[in-house]
């Protein structure tokens, strides 16, 4: 294996290391050096071009995608071009850049989509009011039993109190949430 191929493979390997760091939340704390209009904020894994509050942003996954495609694409091209000489170097550089630019663009789009993905609001205890469920441990008068409620698509057991005793299997609905782990329930009226 030629030195040219090994160099491109090393660039690709370094990119994999950067990608692993970005996935596990590794941060490089180098301060905030400035180079003209380029502001490096490496503590957050981003490079801003232009004003620090706006402009184009490169994230660590985008840089890793660019370097990985450049390194591995260049190594493949250099190998196919003979692995030695100026021709192999030129082919490796051209193929590496042609592979790296769209890869970096797509990585940026994927990171942006993942970071700005719409999610449901965090549930609060008051979101339980009005939910229905079933008694799984009988509720005695003046004491606690257990009910199973469907919360955000999950079946969850809660400690339950009621104004009257409730038997196993009774269909109930929540009227109050005195604590995050307990509910006040009433039996659902039976439809005749």
N, C-alpha and C. Protein backbone atom coordinates (compact mmCIF):
# COMPACT_ATOMS: atom_id res chain seq x y z
N UNK A 1 0.86 -1.16 0.00
CA UNK A 1 0.00 0.00 0.00
C UNK A 1 0.90 1.23 0.00
N UNK A 2 0.60 2.17 -0.88
CA UNK A 2 1.46 3.34 -1.03
C UNK A 2 1.20 4.36 0.08
N UNK A 3 2.15 5.25 0.22
CA UNK A 3 2.02 6.32 1.21
C UNK A 3 0.84 7.23 0.91
N UNK A 4 0.53 7.42 -0.36
CA UNK A 4 -0.59 8.26 -0.76
C UNK A 4 -1.91 7.66 -0.27
N UNK A 5 -2.09 6.37 -0.47
CA UNK A 5 -3.31 5.69 -0.04
C UNK A 5 -3.41 5.71 1.48
N UNK A 6 -2.30 5.46 2.15
CA UNK A 6 -2.29 5.48 3.62
C UNK A 6 -2.66 6.86 4.14
N UNK A 7 -2.18 7.91 3.50
CA UNK A 7 -2.51 9.28 3.92
C UNK A 7 -4.01 9.54 3.81
N UNK A 8 -4.59 9.15 2.69
CA UNK A 8 -6.04 9.35 2.52
C UNK A 8 -6.83 8.49 3.51
N UNK A 9 -6.37 7.29 3.76
CA UNK A 9 -7.03 6.44 4.75
C UNK A 9 -6.93 7.05 6.16
N UNK A 10 -5.81 7.67 6.46
CA UNK A 10 -5.64 8.32 7.76
C UNK A 10 -6.60 9.50 7.90
N UNK A 11 -6.80 10.25 6.82
CA UNK A 11 -7.77 11.35 6.85
C UNK A 11 -9.17 10.80 7.12
N UNK A 12 -9.53 9.71 6.44
CA UNK A 12 -10.83 9.08 6.67
C UNK A 12 -10.96 8.55 8.08
N UNK A 13 -9.90 7.95 8.61
CA UNK A 13 -9.92 7.44 9.98
C UNK A 13 -10.06 8.55 11.00
N UNK A 14 -9.39 9.67 10.77
CA UNK A 14 -9.53 10.83 11.64
C UNK A 14 -10.98 11.33 11.64
N UNK A 15 -11.61 11.29 10.47
CA UNK A 15 -13.01 11.71 10.36
C UNK A 15 -13.91 10.79 11.19
N UNK A 16 -13.62 9.50 11.18
CA UNK A 16 -14.41 8.58 12.01
C UNK A 16 -14.26 8.90 13.49
N UNK A 17 -13.05 9.26 13.90
CA UNK A 17 -12.83 9.67 15.29
C UNK A 17 -13.65 10.91 15.62
N UNK A 18 -13.67 11.90 14.72
CA UNK A 18 -14.48 13.10 14.93
C UNK A 18 -15.96 12.75 15.03
N UNK A 19 -16.41 11.82 14.18
CA UNK A 19 -17.81 11.42 14.21
C UNK A 19 -18.17 10.74 15.53
N UNK A 20 -17.29 9.88 16.02
CA UNK A 20 -17.53 9.23 17.30
C UNK A 20 -17.58 10.27 18.42
N UNK A 21 -16.67 11.24 18.39
CA UNK A 21 -16.69 12.31 19.39
C UNK A 21 -17.99 13.09 19.34
N UNK A 22 -18.48 13.37 18.14
CA UNK A 22 -19.72 14.13 18.03
C UNK A 22 -20.90 13.31 18.53
N UNK A 23 -20.87 12.00 18.34
CA UNK A 23 -21.98 11.14 18.78
C UNK A 23 -22.02 10.97 20.29
N UNK A 24 -20.86 10.91 20.92
CA UNK A 24 -20.84 10.74 22.38
C UNK A 24 -20.77 12.07 23.10
N UNK A 25 -20.84 13.16 22.36
CA UNK A 25 -20.88 14.47 22.98
C UNK A 25 -19.52 15.00 23.37
N UNK A 26 -18.47 14.50 22.76
CA UNK A 26 -17.14 15.01 23.06
C UNK A 26 -17.01 16.46 22.64
N UNK A 27 -16.39 17.26 23.47
CA UNK A 27 -16.21 18.67 23.16
C UNK A 27 -14.73 18.99 23.16
N UNK A 28 -14.34 19.82 22.21
CA UNK A 28 -12.98 20.31 22.15
C UNK A 28 -12.99 21.73 22.68
N UNK A 29 -12.34 21.98 23.80
CA UNK A 29 -12.34 23.31 24.39
C UNK A 29 -11.03 24.00 24.05
N UNK A 30 -11.09 24.80 23.00
CA UNK A 30 -9.91 25.54 22.58
C UNK A 30 -10.13 27.04 22.69
N UNK A 31 -11.15 27.46 23.41
CA UNK A 31 -11.45 28.88 23.50
C UNK A 31 -12.26 29.31 22.29
N UNK A 32 -12.09 30.57 21.89
CA UNK A 32 -12.81 31.11 20.75
C UNK A 32 -11.85 31.87 19.84
N UNK A 33 -10.93 31.17 19.17
CA UNK A 33 -10.00 31.87 18.29
C UNK A 33 -10.73 32.43 17.07
N UNK A 34 -10.19 33.52 16.50
CA UNK A 34 -10.78 34.16 15.33
C UNK A 34 -9.76 34.19 14.20
N UNK A 35 -10.25 33.96 13.00
CA UNK A 35 -9.40 34.01 11.80
C UNK A 35 -10.19 34.81 10.78
N UNK A 36 -9.96 36.12 10.73
CA UNK A 36 -10.74 36.97 9.83
C UNK A 36 -12.19 36.98 10.28
N UNK A 37 -13.10 36.66 9.35
CA UNK A 37 -14.52 36.62 9.67
C UNK A 37 -14.97 35.24 10.11
N UNK A 38 -14.04 34.31 10.31
CA UNK A 38 -14.40 32.97 10.75
C UNK A 38 -14.21 32.91 12.26
N UNK A 39 -15.26 32.59 12.97
CA UNK A 39 -15.22 32.51 14.44
C UNK A 39 -15.35 31.06 14.83
N UNK A 40 -14.34 30.53 15.49
CA UNK A 40 -14.33 29.13 15.90
C UNK A 40 -14.88 29.02 17.31
N UNK A 41 -15.98 28.34 17.46
CA UNK A 41 -16.56 28.07 18.77
C UNK A 41 -16.54 26.56 18.97
N UNK A 42 -15.37 26.02 19.19
CA UNK A 42 -15.21 24.57 19.22
C UNK A 42 -15.77 23.93 20.47
N UNK A 43 -16.06 24.69 21.50
CA UNK A 43 -16.66 24.10 22.69
C UNK A 43 -18.05 23.55 22.44
N UNK A 44 -18.68 23.99 21.37
CA UNK A 44 -20.01 23.51 21.03
C UNK A 44 -20.00 22.71 19.74
N UNK A 45 -18.84 22.46 19.17
CA UNK A 45 -18.74 21.66 17.96
C UNK A 45 -19.22 22.38 16.72
N UNK A 46 -19.12 23.73 16.68
CA UNK A 46 -19.60 24.49 15.54
C UNK A 46 -18.55 25.49 15.11
N UNK A 47 -18.56 25.83 13.81
CA UNK A 47 -17.74 26.89 13.26
C UNK A 47 -18.68 27.84 12.56
N UNK A 48 -18.63 29.14 12.91
CA UNK A 48 -19.50 30.13 12.30
C UNK A 48 -18.69 30.95 11.31
N UNK A 49 -19.25 31.17 10.12
CA UNK A 49 -18.63 32.05 9.14
C UNK A 49 -19.38 33.37 9.18
N UNK A 50 -18.66 34.49 9.30
CA UNK A 50 -19.30 35.79 9.39
C UNK A 50 -19.51 36.16 10.83
N UNK A 51 -20.61 36.84 11.10
CA UNK A 51 -20.91 37.28 12.46
C UNK A 51 -21.19 36.08 13.35
N UNK A 52 -20.70 36.09 14.61
CA UNK A 52 -20.88 34.92 15.49
C UNK A 52 -22.34 34.56 15.76
N UNK A 53 -23.26 35.52 15.62
CA UNK A 53 -24.67 35.23 15.90
C UNK A 53 -25.43 34.75 14.68
N UNK A 54 -24.81 34.61 13.57
CA UNK A 54 -25.53 34.17 12.37
C UNK A 54 -24.57 33.64 11.34
N UNK A 55 -25.03 33.53 10.13
CA UNK A 55 -24.17 33.07 9.05
C UNK A 55 -24.24 31.57 8.89
N UNK A 56 -23.35 31.04 8.10
CA UNK A 56 -23.32 29.62 7.81
C UNK A 56 -22.67 28.88 8.97
N UNK A 57 -23.21 27.72 9.31
CA UNK A 57 -22.70 26.97 10.45
C UNK A 57 -22.26 25.58 10.01
N UNK A 58 -21.09 25.20 10.43
CA UNK A 58 -20.58 23.86 10.19
C UNK A 58 -20.54 23.13 11.53
N UNK A 59 -21.17 21.98 11.58
CA UNK A 59 -21.13 21.20 12.81
C UNK A 59 -20.06 20.13 12.69
N UNK A 60 -19.73 19.53 13.80
CA UNK A 60 -18.73 18.48 13.82
C UNK A 60 -19.12 17.30 12.92
N UNK A 61 -20.38 16.87 12.89
CA UNK A 61 -20.76 15.79 11.96
C UNK A 61 -20.58 16.18 10.49
N UNK A 62 -20.80 17.46 10.15
CA UNK A 62 -20.62 17.91 8.76
C UNK A 62 -19.14 17.84 8.39
N UNK A 63 -18.29 18.33 9.29
CA UNK A 63 -16.84 18.29 9.02
C UNK A 63 -16.36 16.85 8.94
N UNK A 64 -16.87 15.99 9.84
CA UNK A 64 -16.48 14.58 9.82
C UNK A 64 -16.96 13.92 8.53
N UNK A 65 -18.16 14.25 8.08
CA UNK A 65 -18.66 13.69 6.82
C UNK A 65 -17.81 14.11 5.64
N UNK A 66 -17.44 15.38 5.61
CA UNK A 66 -16.59 15.88 4.53
C UNK A 66 -15.24 15.17 4.53
N UNK A 67 -14.59 15.16 5.70
CA UNK A 67 -13.25 14.54 5.77
C UNK A 67 -13.30 13.04 5.51
N UNK A 68 -14.35 12.37 6.00
CA UNK A 68 -14.46 10.93 5.78
C UNK A 68 -14.63 10.59 4.31
N UNK A 69 -15.55 11.29 3.64
CA UNK A 69 -15.75 11.03 2.21
C UNK A 69 -14.52 11.41 1.40
N UNK A 70 -13.88 12.53 1.78
CA UNK A 70 -12.66 12.94 1.09
C UNK A 70 -11.56 11.90 1.27
N UNK A 71 -11.36 11.45 2.50
CA UNK A 71 -10.27 10.50 2.78
C UNK A 71 -10.52 9.14 2.15
N UNK A 72 -11.71 8.56 2.41
CA UNK A 72 -11.96 7.21 1.89
C UNK A 72 -12.18 7.22 0.38
N UNK A 73 -12.86 8.26 -0.14
CA UNK A 73 -13.02 8.37 -1.60
C UNK A 73 -11.68 8.56 -2.29
N UNK A 74 -10.84 9.41 -1.69
CA UNK A 74 -9.51 9.62 -2.25
C UNK A 74 -8.65 8.38 -2.19
N UNK A 75 -8.76 7.60 -1.12
CA UNK A 75 -7.97 6.36 -1.01
C UNK A 75 -8.39 5.36 -2.08
N UNK A 76 -9.71 5.24 -2.31
CA UNK A 76 -10.18 4.31 -3.36
C UNK A 76 -9.69 4.77 -4.72
N UNK A 77 -9.83 6.08 -4.99
CA UNK A 77 -9.40 6.60 -6.30
C UNK A 77 -7.90 6.46 -6.49
N UNK A 78 -7.11 6.72 -5.46
CA UNK A 78 -5.66 6.60 -5.56
C UNK A 78 -5.26 5.15 -5.82
N UNK A 79 -5.95 4.22 -5.18
CA UNK A 79 -5.66 2.80 -5.39
C UNK A 79 -5.98 2.39 -6.83
N UNK A 80 -7.12 2.84 -7.32
CA UNK A 80 -7.52 2.50 -8.69
C UNK A 80 -6.63 3.17 -9.73
N UNK A 81 -6.02 4.30 -9.37
CA UNK A 81 -5.13 5.02 -10.30
C UNK A 81 -3.68 4.56 -10.18
N UNK A 82 -3.43 3.52 -9.46
CA UNK A 82 -2.08 2.98 -9.38
C UNK A 82 -1.39 3.23 -8.06
N UNK A 83 -1.87 4.17 -7.25
CA UNK A 83 -1.34 4.39 -5.92
C UNK A 83 -0.08 5.21 -5.83
N UNK A 84 0.54 5.58 -6.96
CA UNK A 84 1.80 6.34 -6.92
C UNK A 84 1.76 7.44 -7.97
N UNK A 85 2.47 8.52 -7.69
CA UNK A 85 2.69 9.56 -8.68
C UNK A 85 1.67 10.67 -8.65
N UNK A 86 1.94 11.67 -9.51
CA UNK A 86 1.12 12.87 -9.58
C UNK A 86 -0.27 12.57 -10.10
N UNK A 87 -0.39 11.66 -11.07
CA UNK A 87 -1.71 11.33 -11.61
C UNK A 87 -2.61 10.73 -10.53
N UNK A 88 -2.08 9.80 -9.74
CA UNK A 88 -2.85 9.19 -8.67
C UNK A 88 -3.26 10.24 -7.63
N UNK A 89 -2.36 11.18 -7.34
CA UNK A 89 -2.68 12.25 -6.40
C UNK A 89 -3.79 13.13 -6.94
N UNK A 90 -3.72 13.52 -8.18
CA UNK A 90 -4.75 14.39 -8.77
C UNK A 90 -6.11 13.69 -8.82
N UNK A 91 -6.11 12.42 -9.23
CA UNK A 91 -7.35 11.66 -9.27
C UNK A 91 -7.94 11.54 -7.87
N UNK A 92 -7.10 11.27 -6.89
CA UNK A 92 -7.56 11.12 -5.50
C UNK A 92 -8.15 12.43 -4.99
N UNK A 93 -7.51 13.55 -5.27
CA UNK A 93 -8.02 14.85 -4.82
C UNK A 93 -9.37 15.18 -5.47
N UNK A 94 -9.46 14.97 -6.78
CA UNK A 94 -10.72 15.29 -7.48
C UNK A 94 -11.86 14.39 -7.00
N UNK A 95 -11.61 13.09 -6.95
CA UNK A 95 -12.65 12.16 -6.51
C UNK A 95 -13.00 12.42 -5.04
N UNK A 96 -11.99 12.70 -4.22
CA UNK A 96 -12.24 12.99 -2.81
C UNK A 96 -13.14 14.19 -2.63
N UNK A 97 -12.88 15.27 -3.35
CA UNK A 97 -13.72 16.47 -3.24
C UNK A 97 -15.11 16.20 -3.80
N UNK A 98 -15.19 15.49 -4.94
CA UNK A 98 -16.50 15.17 -5.52
C UNK A 98 -17.34 14.30 -4.58
N UNK A 99 -16.72 13.48 -3.81
CA UNK A 99 -17.45 12.65 -2.83
C UNK A 99 -17.75 13.44 -1.56
N UNK A 100 -16.85 14.33 -1.17
CA UNK A 100 -16.95 15.01 0.11
C UNK A 100 -18.02 16.10 0.14
N UNK A 101 -18.14 16.87 -0.92
CA UNK A 101 -19.08 18.00 -0.91
C UNK A 101 -20.53 17.54 -0.73
N UNK A 102 -21.03 16.60 -1.54
CA UNK A 102 -22.42 16.17 -1.30
C UNK A 102 -22.59 15.44 0.04
N UNK A 103 -21.57 14.72 0.47
CA UNK A 103 -21.67 14.02 1.75
C UNK A 103 -21.79 15.03 2.90
N UNK A 104 -20.99 16.08 2.87
CA UNK A 104 -21.07 17.11 3.91
C UNK A 104 -22.42 17.82 3.86
N UNK A 105 -22.90 18.12 2.66
CA UNK A 105 -24.20 18.77 2.52
C UNK A 105 -25.31 17.91 3.12
N UNK A 106 -25.32 16.62 2.77
CA UNK A 106 -26.34 15.71 3.31
C UNK A 106 -26.20 15.53 4.81
N UNK A 107 -24.98 15.47 5.31
CA UNK A 107 -24.78 15.36 6.75
C UNK A 107 -25.34 16.58 7.46
N UNK A 108 -25.12 17.75 6.88
CA UNK A 108 -25.66 18.98 7.47
C UNK A 108 -27.17 18.98 7.48
N UNK A 109 -27.77 18.53 6.38
CA UNK A 109 -29.24 18.45 6.32
C UNK A 109 -29.78 17.47 7.35
N UNK A 110 -29.12 16.31 7.48
CA UNK A 110 -29.57 15.32 8.46
C UNK A 110 -29.44 15.82 9.89
N UNK A 111 -28.33 16.46 10.19
CA UNK A 111 -28.12 17.00 11.55
C UNK A 111 -29.16 18.09 11.83
N UNK A 112 -29.38 18.97 10.85
CA UNK A 112 -30.37 20.03 11.03
C UNK A 112 -31.76 19.45 11.25
N UNK A 113 -32.13 18.43 10.45
CA UNK A 113 -33.44 17.81 10.60
C UNK A 113 -33.58 17.13 11.96
N UNK A 114 -32.54 16.47 12.41
CA UNK A 114 -32.60 15.79 13.70
C UNK A 114 -32.68 16.79 14.85
N UNK A 115 -31.96 17.88 14.75
CA UNK A 115 -31.95 18.87 15.83
C UNK A 115 -33.25 19.66 15.89
N UNK A 116 -33.95 19.80 14.77
CA UNK A 116 -35.17 20.60 14.72
C UNK A 116 -36.42 19.75 14.56
N UNK A 117 -36.32 18.48 14.92
CA UNK A 117 -37.44 17.57 14.80
C UNK A 117 -38.54 17.96 15.79
N UNK A 118 -39.77 17.97 15.29
CA UNK A 118 -40.89 18.29 16.17
C UNK A 118 -41.11 17.13 17.14
N UNK A 119 -41.32 17.47 18.38
CA UNK A 119 -41.59 16.46 19.41
C UNK A 119 -42.82 16.88 20.20
N UNK A 120 -43.44 15.94 20.84
CA UNK A 120 -44.58 16.24 21.69
C UNK A 120 -44.11 16.96 22.94
N UNK A 121 -45.00 17.75 23.50
CA UNK A 121 -44.68 18.45 24.73
C UNK A 121 -44.48 17.43 25.86
N UNK A 122 -43.69 17.80 26.83
CA UNK A 122 -43.48 16.95 28.00
C UNK A 122 -44.78 16.86 28.78
N UNK A 123 -45.14 15.64 29.12
CA UNK A 123 -46.38 15.44 29.87
C UNK A 123 -46.23 15.94 31.29
N UNK A 124 -47.32 16.47 31.81
CA UNK A 124 -47.36 16.88 33.21
C UNK A 124 -48.41 16.04 33.93
N UNK A 125 -48.44 16.14 35.22
CA UNK A 125 -49.42 15.38 36.01
C UNK A 125 -50.84 15.75 35.61
N UNK A 126 -51.08 17.00 35.29
CA UNK A 126 -52.44 17.43 34.95
C UNK A 126 -52.92 16.84 33.62
N UNK A 127 -52.00 16.34 32.79
CA UNK A 127 -52.40 15.68 31.55
C UNK A 127 -53.12 14.36 31.82
N UNK A 128 -53.02 13.84 33.04
CA UNK A 128 -53.70 12.60 33.39
C UNK A 128 -55.19 12.79 33.64
N UNK A 129 -55.59 14.02 33.98
CA UNK A 129 -57.00 14.27 34.28
C UNK A 129 -57.83 13.98 33.03
N UNK A 130 -58.85 13.13 33.22
CA UNK A 130 -59.73 12.75 32.11
C UNK A 130 -59.35 11.46 31.42
N UNK A 131 -58.17 10.92 31.73
CA UNK A 131 -57.80 9.65 31.11
C UNK A 131 -58.59 8.52 31.75
N UNK A 132 -58.75 7.46 30.98
CA UNK A 132 -59.51 6.31 31.48
C UNK A 132 -58.57 5.15 31.70
N UNK A 133 -59.02 4.23 32.51
CA UNK A 133 -58.21 3.06 32.81
C UNK A 133 -59.04 2.00 33.49
N UNK A 134 -58.34 1.05 34.11
CA UNK A 134 -58.98 -0.07 34.76
C UNK A 134 -58.30 -0.33 36.10
N UNK A 135 -59.09 -0.76 37.09
CA UNK A 135 -58.55 -1.08 38.41
C UNK A 135 -57.82 -2.43 38.30
N UNK A 136 -56.54 -2.45 38.73
CA UNK A 136 -55.77 -3.70 38.70
C UNK A 136 -55.51 -4.24 40.10
N UNK A 137 -55.64 -3.39 41.11
CA UNK A 137 -55.62 -3.80 42.51
C UNK A 137 -56.81 -3.10 43.15
N UNK A 138 -57.72 -3.84 43.77
CA UNK A 138 -58.94 -3.21 44.31
C UNK A 138 -58.64 -2.00 45.19
N UNK A 139 -59.50 -0.98 45.04
CA UNK A 139 -59.36 0.27 45.80
C UNK A 139 -60.29 0.18 47.00
N UNK A 140 -59.74 0.11 48.24
CA UNK A 140 -60.61 0.03 49.42
C UNK A 140 -61.13 1.42 49.80
N UNK A 141 -62.15 1.43 50.61
CA UNK A 141 -62.67 2.70 51.11
C UNK A 141 -61.59 3.38 51.96
N UNK A 142 -61.26 4.61 51.65
CA UNK A 142 -60.27 5.37 52.41
C UNK A 142 -58.84 4.91 52.20
N UNK A 143 -58.57 4.02 51.27
CA UNK A 143 -57.21 3.54 51.06
C UNK A 143 -56.80 3.61 49.59
N UNK A 144 -55.64 3.05 49.34
CA UNK A 144 -55.09 3.07 47.99
C UNK A 144 -55.17 1.69 47.35
N UNK A 145 -55.50 1.70 46.07
CA UNK A 145 -55.40 0.53 45.21
C UNK A 145 -54.54 0.94 44.02
N UNK A 146 -54.65 0.21 42.93
CA UNK A 146 -53.88 0.56 41.74
C UNK A 146 -54.77 0.53 40.52
N UNK A 147 -54.48 1.46 39.61
CA UNK A 147 -55.16 1.49 38.32
C UNK A 147 -54.11 1.51 37.22
N UNK A 148 -54.49 0.99 36.07
CA UNK A 148 -53.61 1.02 34.89
C UNK A 148 -54.23 2.02 33.91
N UNK A 149 -53.44 3.04 33.55
CA UNK A 149 -53.90 4.09 32.64
C UNK A 149 -53.06 4.07 31.38
N UNK A 150 -53.68 4.46 30.28
CA UNK A 150 -52.96 4.61 29.02
C UNK A 150 -52.46 6.06 28.95
N UNK A 151 -51.15 6.24 29.05
CA UNK A 151 -50.54 7.56 29.05
C UNK A 151 -49.53 7.62 27.91
N UNK A 152 -49.79 8.48 26.94
CA UNK A 152 -48.90 8.66 25.79
C UNK A 152 -48.58 7.32 25.12
N UNK A 153 -49.60 6.49 25.00
CA UNK A 153 -49.43 5.21 24.32
C UNK A 153 -48.83 4.11 25.18
N UNK A 154 -48.57 4.39 26.44
CA UNK A 154 -47.98 3.41 27.34
C UNK A 154 -48.96 3.07 28.45
N UNK A 155 -48.99 1.83 28.86
CA UNK A 155 -49.81 1.41 30.00
C UNK A 155 -48.97 1.60 31.26
N UNK A 156 -49.46 2.46 32.17
CA UNK A 156 -48.71 2.78 33.39
C UNK A 156 -49.63 2.60 34.59
N UNK A 157 -49.06 1.98 35.65
CA UNK A 157 -49.83 1.80 36.88
C UNK A 157 -49.63 3.00 37.80
N UNK A 158 -50.74 3.42 38.44
CA UNK A 158 -50.71 4.50 39.42
C UNK A 158 -51.42 4.04 40.68
N UNK A 159 -51.00 4.57 41.81
CA UNK A 159 -51.75 4.38 43.05
C UNK A 159 -53.05 5.16 42.87
N UNK A 160 -54.14 4.60 43.38
CA UNK A 160 -55.44 5.24 43.15
C UNK A 160 -56.28 5.25 44.41
N UNK A 161 -57.00 6.33 44.59
CA UNK A 161 -58.00 6.46 45.65
C UNK A 161 -59.33 6.77 44.97
N UNK A 162 -60.39 6.47 45.67
CA UNK A 162 -61.73 6.77 45.15
C UNK A 162 -62.65 7.06 46.33
N UNK A 163 -63.78 7.71 46.04
CA UNK A 163 -64.75 8.04 47.08
C UNK A 163 -65.48 6.79 47.57
N UNK A 164 -65.42 5.73 46.80
CA UNK A 164 -66.10 4.48 47.17
C UNK A 164 -65.16 3.32 46.83
N UNK A 165 -65.36 2.16 47.41
CA UNK A 165 -64.53 1.01 47.07
C UNK A 165 -64.75 0.61 45.61
N UNK A 166 -63.65 0.22 44.94
CA UNK A 166 -63.74 -0.20 43.54
C UNK A 166 -63.13 -1.59 43.40
N UNK A 167 -63.87 -2.45 42.73
CA UNK A 167 -63.44 -3.84 42.56
C UNK A 167 -62.46 -3.97 41.39
N UNK A 168 -61.74 -5.08 41.40
CA UNK A 168 -60.81 -5.41 40.32
C UNK A 168 -61.56 -5.40 38.99
N UNK A 169 -60.98 -4.74 37.98
CA UNK A 169 -61.58 -4.72 36.65
C UNK A 169 -62.54 -3.57 36.40
N UNK A 170 -62.80 -2.75 37.41
CA UNK A 170 -63.72 -1.62 37.24
C UNK A 170 -63.10 -0.58 36.30
N UNK A 171 -63.87 -0.14 35.33
CA UNK A 171 -63.42 0.92 34.42
C UNK A 171 -63.53 2.26 35.15
N UNK A 172 -62.47 3.07 35.10
CA UNK A 172 -62.42 4.33 35.84
C UNK A 172 -61.92 5.46 34.95
N UNK A 173 -62.14 6.69 35.41
CA UNK A 173 -61.50 7.85 34.79
C UNK A 173 -60.95 8.74 35.89
N UNK A 174 -59.90 9.46 35.55
CA UNK A 174 -59.16 10.28 36.53
C UNK A 174 -59.84 11.63 36.68
N UNK A 175 -60.10 12.03 37.93
CA UNK A 175 -60.70 13.35 38.17
C UNK A 175 -59.72 14.32 38.84
N UNK A 176 -58.64 13.78 39.42
CA UNK A 176 -57.66 14.64 40.09
C UNK A 176 -56.33 13.91 40.19
N UNK A 177 -55.24 14.69 40.26
CA UNK A 177 -53.90 14.11 40.40
C UNK A 177 -53.23 14.75 41.61
N UNK A 178 -53.36 14.11 42.80
CA UNK A 178 -52.77 14.71 44.01
C UNK A 178 -51.24 14.65 44.05
N UNK A 179 -50.64 13.68 43.36
CA UNK A 179 -49.17 13.58 43.31
C UNK A 179 -48.79 12.93 41.97
N UNK A 180 -47.52 12.98 41.60
CA UNK A 180 -47.12 12.39 40.33
C UNK A 180 -47.33 10.87 40.25
N UNK A 181 -47.50 10.21 41.39
CA UNK A 181 -47.66 8.75 41.37
C UNK A 181 -49.03 8.28 41.81
N UNK A 182 -49.93 9.21 42.10
CA UNK A 182 -51.26 8.80 42.55
C UNK A 182 -52.34 9.62 41.86
N UNK A 183 -53.52 9.01 41.74
CA UNK A 183 -54.64 9.66 41.09
C UNK A 183 -55.90 9.44 41.91
N UNK A 184 -56.86 10.32 41.75
CA UNK A 184 -58.18 10.18 42.34
C UNK A 184 -59.10 9.82 41.19
N UNK A 185 -59.81 8.69 41.31
CA UNK A 185 -60.60 8.19 40.19
C UNK A 185 -62.07 8.03 40.59
N UNK A 186 -62.91 7.95 39.57
CA UNK A 186 -64.32 7.61 39.73
C UNK A 186 -64.63 6.52 38.72
N UNK A 187 -65.58 5.65 39.06
CA UNK A 187 -65.96 4.63 38.07
C UNK A 187 -66.66 5.31 36.88
N UNK A 188 -66.41 4.78 35.69
CA UNK A 188 -67.10 5.32 34.53
C UNK A 188 -68.55 4.86 34.58
N UNK A 189 -69.46 5.77 34.25
CA UNK A 189 -70.87 5.37 34.27
C UNK A 189 -71.12 4.30 33.22
N UNK A 190 -71.90 3.31 33.59
CA UNK A 190 -72.22 2.25 32.63
C UNK A 190 -73.32 2.73 31.70
N UNK A 191 -73.15 2.41 30.41
CA UNK A 191 -74.13 2.79 29.40
C UNK A 191 -75.15 1.67 29.28
N UNK A 192 -76.43 1.99 29.38
CA UNK A 192 -77.47 0.97 29.35
C UNK A 192 -78.18 0.97 28.04
